[in-house]
Amino acid sequence: MLLAYAFTIFLYRKLFGIDWEDLRIAYISDEHREFEGKTVQELADQAKMEPLDMYLKLVELSDRKGTI
């Protein structure tokens, strides 16, 4: 499943020219409001993680219901 997410994100990034700095978090969950308003790249840098790993963490935290 993670490989499928990684591949999908790779395609979006290449096809649409969207990068991690462009993906701003609007909502993850009521318990994780600290992510709102930050980009995936900012969050990855703060956590010392790769952006893809941070994105996948956010997907998991949001139970696949988060918005960017």
Protein backbone atom coordinates (compact mmCIF):
# COMPACT_ATOMS: atom_id res chain seq x y z
CA MET A 1 0.00 0.00 0.00
CA LEU A 2 2.79 2.44 0.85
CA LEU A 3 4.44 1.79 -2.49
CA ALA A 4 1.19 2.68 -4.24
CA TYR A 5 1.02 6.01 -2.35
CA ALA A 6 4.66 6.73 -3.14
CA PHE A 7 4.12 6.04 -6.83
CA THR A 8 0.94 8.14 -6.98
CA ILE A 9 2.67 11.09 -5.32
CA PHE A 10 5.64 10.74 -7.67
CA LEU A 11 3.27 10.90 -10.67
CA TYR A 12 1.44 13.96 -9.34
CA ARG A 13 4.72 15.72 -8.68
CA LYS A 14 6.02 15.04 -12.20
CA LEU A 15 2.81 15.50 -14.18
CA PHE A 16 1.53 18.63 -12.45
CA GLY A 17 4.77 20.17 -11.24
CA ILE A 18 3.57 20.02 -7.64
CA ASP A 19 6.25 19.62 -5.02
CA TRP A 20 6.33 19.16 -1.25
CA GLU A 21 6.57 22.93 -0.72
CA ASP A 22 3.25 23.31 -2.56
CA LEU A 23 1.30 20.87 -0.37
CA ARG A 24 -0.05 22.89 2.57
CA ILE A 25 -1.98 21.03 5.24
CA ALA A 26 -5.54 22.27 5.76
CA TYR A 27 -6.76 19.57 8.15
CA ILE A 28 -5.52 16.27 9.59
CA SER A 29 -7.75 15.70 12.62
CA ASP A 30 -9.03 17.50 15.68
CA GLU A 31 -6.22 15.88 17.67
CA HIS A 32 -3.49 17.10 15.29
CA ARG A 33 -4.20 20.75 14.62
CA GLU A 34 -0.49 21.56 15.00
CA PHE A 35 0.06 20.49 11.37
CA GLU A 36 -2.45 22.91 9.87
CA GLY A 37 -1.09 25.73 7.75
CA LYS A 38 2.32 24.13 7.25
CA THR A 39 3.68 22.48 4.14
CA VAL A 40 4.72 18.86 3.98
CA GLN A 41 8.29 20.07 3.41
CA GLU A 42 8.22 22.28 6.53
CA LEU A 43 6.88 19.44 8.65
CA ALA A 44 9.44 17.00 7.23
CA ASP A 45 12.28 19.42 7.95
CA GLN A 46 11.06 19.95 11.53
CA ALA A 47 10.80 16.21 12.13
CA LYS A 48 14.06 15.45 10.29
CA MET A 49 12.20 13.09 7.96
CA GLU A 50 11.98 12.65 4.23
CA PRO A 51 8.95 14.50 2.79
CA LEU A 52 7.38 11.29 1.49
CA ASP A 53 7.65 9.70 4.93
CA MET A 54 6.05 12.77 6.51
CA TYR A 55 3.25 12.72 3.94
CA LEU A 56 2.57 9.06 4.65
CA LYS A 57 2.57 9.76 8.38
CA LEU A 58 -0.02 12.51 7.83
CA VAL A 59 -2.15 10.16 5.73
CA GLU A 60 -2.05 7.64 8.55
CA LEU A 61 -2.79 10.20 11.29
CA SER A 62 -5.77 11.51 9.33
CA ASP A 63 -7.12 8.03 8.66
CA ARG A 64 -6.93 9.03 4.97
CA LYS A 65 -9.39 11.87 5.56
CA GLY A 66 -7.00 14.84 5.79
CA THR A 67 -7.04 17.73 3.35
CA ILE A 68 -4.28 19.74 1.73
